[in-house]
Structure formats: C-alpha cells, structure tokens
C-alpha atoms as a PDB file:
ATOM      1  CA  UNK A   1       0.000   0.000   0.000  1.00  0.00           C
ATOM      2  CA  UNK A   2       1.395   3.403  -0.920  1.00  0.00           C
ATOM      3  CA  UNK A   3       2.448   5.724   1.884  1.00  0.00           C
ATOM      4  CA  UNK A   4       1.091   8.772   0.011  1.00  0.00           C
ATOM      5  CA  UNK A   5      -2.525   9.813   0.178  1.00  0.00           C
ATOM      6  CA  UNK A   6      -2.828   9.582  -3.601  1.00  0.00           C
ATOM      7  CA  UNK A   7      -0.959   7.431  -6.066  1.00  0.00           C
ATOM      8  CA  UNK A   8      -1.848   6.533  -9.604  1.00  0.00           C
ATOM      9  CA  UNK A   9       0.065   4.038 -11.691  1.00  0.00           C
ATOM     10  CA  UNK A  10      -1.442   4.706 -15.110  1.00  0.00           C
ATOM     11  CA  UNK A  11      -0.047   1.557 -16.666  1.00  0.00           C
ATOM     12  CA  UNK A  12      -1.436  -0.581 -13.847  1.00  0.00           C
ATOM     13  CA  UNK A  13      -4.839   1.092 -14.152  1.00  0.00           C
ATOM     14  CA  UNK A  14      -4.814   0.467 -17.917  1.00  0.00           C
ATOM     15  CA  UNK A  15      -3.716  -3.162 -17.455  1.00  0.00           C
ATOM     16  CA  UNK A  16      -6.400  -4.005 -14.908  1.00  0.00           C
ATOM     17  CA  UNK A  17      -9.100  -2.169 -16.869  1.00  0.00           C
ATOM     18  CA  UNK A  18      -8.105  -4.090 -19.977  1.00  0.00           C
ATOM     19  CA  UNK A  19      -8.169  -7.393 -18.075  1.00  0.00           C
ATOM     20  CA  UNK A  20     -11.645  -6.630 -16.773  1.00  0.00           C
ATOM     21  CA  UNK A  21     -12.953  -5.677 -20.217  1.00  0.00           C
ATOM     22  CA  UNK A  22     -11.394  -8.802 -21.722  1.00  0.00           C
ATOM     23  CA  UNK A  23     -13.115 -10.901 -19.084  1.00  0.00           C
ATOM     24  CA  UNK A  24     -16.493  -9.439 -20.079  1.00  0.00           C
ATOM     25  CA  UNK A  25     -15.736 -10.023 -23.766  1.00  0.00           C
ATOM     26  CA  UNK A  26     -14.757 -13.649 -23.090  1.00  0.00           C
ATOM     27  CA  UNK A  27     -17.199 -14.705 -20.399  1.00  0.00           C
ATOM     28  CA  UNK A  28     -20.484 -13.529 -21.953  1.00  0.00           C
ATOM     29  CA  UNK A  29     -19.943 -15.461 -25.220  1.00  0.00           C
ATOM     30  CA  UNK A  30     -19.025 -18.541 -23.160  1.00  0.00           C
ATOM     31  CA  UNK A  31     -22.273 -18.186 -21.232  1.00  0.00           C
ATOM     32  CA  UNK A  32     -24.229 -18.124 -24.505  1.00  0.00           C
ATOM     33  CA  UNK A  33     -22.349 -21.179 -25.771  1.00  0.00           C
ATOM     34  CA  UNK A  34     -23.195 -23.025 -22.573  1.00  0.00           C
ATOM     35  CA  UNK A  35     -26.853 -21.955 -22.821  1.00  0.00           C
ATOM     36  CA  UNK A  36     -27.013 -23.318 -26.376  1.00  0.00           C
ATOM     37  CA  UNK A  37     -25.478 -26.598 -25.188  1.00  0.00           C
ATOM     38  CA  UNK A  38     -28.035 -26.865 -22.397  1.00  0.00           C
ATOM     39  CA  UNK A  39     -30.866 -26.045 -24.824  1.00  0.00           C
ATOM     40  CA  UNK A  40     -29.668 -28.769 -27.202  1.00  0.00           C
ATOM     41  CA  UNK A  41     -29.378 -31.261 -24.378  1.00  0.00           C
ATOM     42  CA  UNK A  42     -32.844 -30.518 -23.040  1.00  0.00           C
ATOM     43  CA  UNK A  43     -34.375 -30.682 -26.526  1.00  0.00           C
ATOM     44  CA  UNK A  44     -32.651 -33.858 -27.616  1.00  0.00           C
ATOM     45  CA  UNK A  45     -30.449 -35.725 -25.145  1.00  0.00           C
ATOM     46  CA  UNK A  46     -32.351 -35.245 -21.897  1.00  0.00           C
ATOM     47  CA  UNK A  47     -35.955 -34.614 -22.790  1.00  0.00           C
ATOM     48  CA  UNK A  48     -38.753 -34.882 -20.274  1.00  0.00           C
ATOM     49  CA  UNK A  49     -42.066 -33.425 -21.383  1.00  0.00           C
ATOM     50  CA  UNK A  50     -42.592 -31.107 -18.413  1.00  0.00           C
ATOM     51  CA  UNK A  51     -39.225 -30.967 -16.699  1.00  0.00           C
ATOM     52  CA  UNK A  52     -37.113 -30.066 -19.730  1.00  0.00           C
ATOM     53  CA  UNK A  53     -38.999 -26.848 -20.593  1.00  0.00           C
ATOM     54  CA  UNK A  54     -38.931 -25.833 -16.914  1.00  0.00           C
ATOM     55  CA  UNK A  55     -35.194 -26.459 -16.719  1.00  0.00           C
ATOM     56  CA  UNK A  56     -34.664 -24.615 -19.991  1.00  0.00           C
ATOM     57  CA  UNK A  57     -36.545 -21.577 -18.684  1.00  0.00           C
ATOM     58  CA  UNK A  58     -34.655 -21.636 -15.364  1.00  0.00           C
ATOM     59  CA  UNK A  59     -31.298 -21.905 -17.139  1.00  0.00           C
ATOM     60  CA  UNK A  60     -32.221 -19.053 -19.472  1.00  0.00           C
ATOM     61  CA  UNK A  61     -33.009 -16.817 -16.487  1.00  0.00           C
ATOM     62  CA  UNK A  62     -29.788 -17.929 -14.800  1.00  0.00           C
ATOM     63  CA  UNK A  63     -27.776 -17.071 -17.924  1.00  0.00           C
ATOM     64  CA  UNK A  64     -29.408 -13.644 -18.172  1.00  0.00           C
ATOM     65  CA  UNK A  65     -28.571 -12.901 -14.537  1.00  0.00           C
ATOM     66  CA  UNK A  66     -24.981 -14.009 -15.009  1.00  0.00           C
ATOM     67  CA  UNK A  67     -24.604 -11.836 -18.106  1.00  0.00           C
ATOM     68  CA  UNK A  68     -25.876  -8.827 -16.195  1.00  0.00           C
ATOM     69  CA  UNK A  69     -23.422  -9.491 -13.384  1.00  0.00           C
ATOM     70  CA  UNK A  70     -20.520 -10.024 -15.787  1.00  0.00           C
ATOM     71  CA  UNK A  71     -21.377  -6.764 -17.534  1.00  0.00           C
ATOM     72  CA  UNK A  72     -20.892  -5.010 -14.177  1.00  0.00           C
ATOM     73  CA  UNK A  73     -17.218  -6.043 -14.366  1.00  0.00           C
ATOM     74  CA  UNK A  74     -16.911  -3.654 -17.295  1.00  0.00           C
ATOM     75  CA  UNK A  75     -18.428  -0.908 -15.145  1.00  0.00           C
ATOM     76  CA  UNK A  76     -15.481  -1.220 -12.765  1.00  0.00           C
ATOM     77  CA  UNK A  77     -13.044  -0.973 -15.664  1.00  0.00           C
ATOM     78  CA  UNK A  78     -14.767   2.227 -16.783  1.00  0.00           C
ATOM     79  CA  UNK A  79     -14.672   3.666 -13.270  1.00  0.00           C
ATOM     80  CA  UNK A  80     -10.929   3.002 -12.982  1.00  0.00           C
ATOM     81  CA  UNK A  81     -10.272   4.573 -16.378  1.00  0.00           C
ATOM     82  CA  UNK A  82     -12.509   7.551 -15.597  1.00  0.00           C
ATOM     83  CA  UNK A  83     -10.659   8.207 -12.328  1.00  0.00           C
ATOM     84  CA  UNK A  84      -7.331   8.143 -14.184  1.00  0.00           C
ATOM     85  CA  UNK A  85      -8.631  10.527 -16.851  1.00  0.00           C
ATOM     86  CA  UNK A  86     -10.194  12.933 -14.366  1.00  0.00           C
ATOM     87  CA  UNK A  87      -7.065  13.098 -12.194  1.00  0.00           C
ATOM     88  CA  UNK A  88      -4.884  13.596 -15.261  1.00  0.00           C
ATOM     89  CA  UNK A  89      -7.172  16.377 -16.528  1.00  0.00           C
ATOM     90  CA  UNK A  90      -7.167  18.039 -13.117  1.00  0.00           C
ATOM     91  CA  UNK A  91      -3.373  17.884 -12.930  1.00  0.00           C
ATOM     92  CA  UNK A  92      -3.042  19.429 -16.397  1.00  0.00           C
ATOM     93  CA  UNK A  93      -5.570  22.175 -15.613  1.00  0.00           C
ATOM     94  CA  UNK A  94      -3.863  23.066 -12.342  1.00  0.00           C
ATOM     95  CA  UNK A  95      -0.416  23.156 -13.966  1.00  0.00           C
ATOM     96  CA  UNK A  96      -1.733  25.399 -16.778  1.00  0.00           C
ATOM     97  CA  UNK A  97      -3.316  27.781 -14.252  1.00  0.00           C
ATOM     98  CA  UNK A  98      -0.105  27.983 -12.243  1.00  0.00           C
ATOM     99  CA  UNK A  99       1.991  28.546 -15.377  1.00  0.00           C
ATOM    100  CA  UNK A 100      -0.349  31.286 -16.614  1.00  0.00           C
ATOM    101  CA  UNK A 101      -0.203  33.170 -13.320  1.00  0.00           C
ATOM    102  CA  UNK A 102       3.607  33.069 -13.188  1.00  0.00           C
END
C-alpha cells in the first residue's frame, strides 16, 4: 500500500481495466455457448415433457442474470479509467493555471 494519500500508476490502471474488459468479452460469449449446449441437451439428449422446458426456462433466467453481473465487471473498468482521466485532466488544468499566473 502506498504511503502517500494519492498514487496513480497509469499503466497498472490500464492493465487491470483491460483485463476486466477482456473478461467481459470472453465470459459472456461462453455463457451463450453453454446456454445453447443446455438447450440442445434438453431438446434432444435429456428430454422430459414437463421438466425439460422448466429447466430450460430456469437456465435461461440464470444465464441472463450471469450476463448482467458479468457486464458489471466492465463498469469497474470504466470507473478506474474515468478516475485516471479525471485526475490527469485536473493535474493538467492546475499546472496550466499555475503557469499562466507566473
């Protein structure tokens, strides 16, 4: 943990934000692939007249919830990037104001 009150490692922020965005881009398609596999199974390989449609509906809701949660990972990436941008903009603005008054 840094001893300063504020510390920003831009490259680390960019790396973690990129990792988070990559996770969203990889996980959501995997969830859809798995949903399609479950749909195929419940339509063909494990069909019970009443249970299969119920399981299919439950898995569809489950997949939707997971996708919404995974999408929130991207929200954290955006927050980290926004903080970096805002601090950088503030630093530039303050330096310009100081330089203009000198």
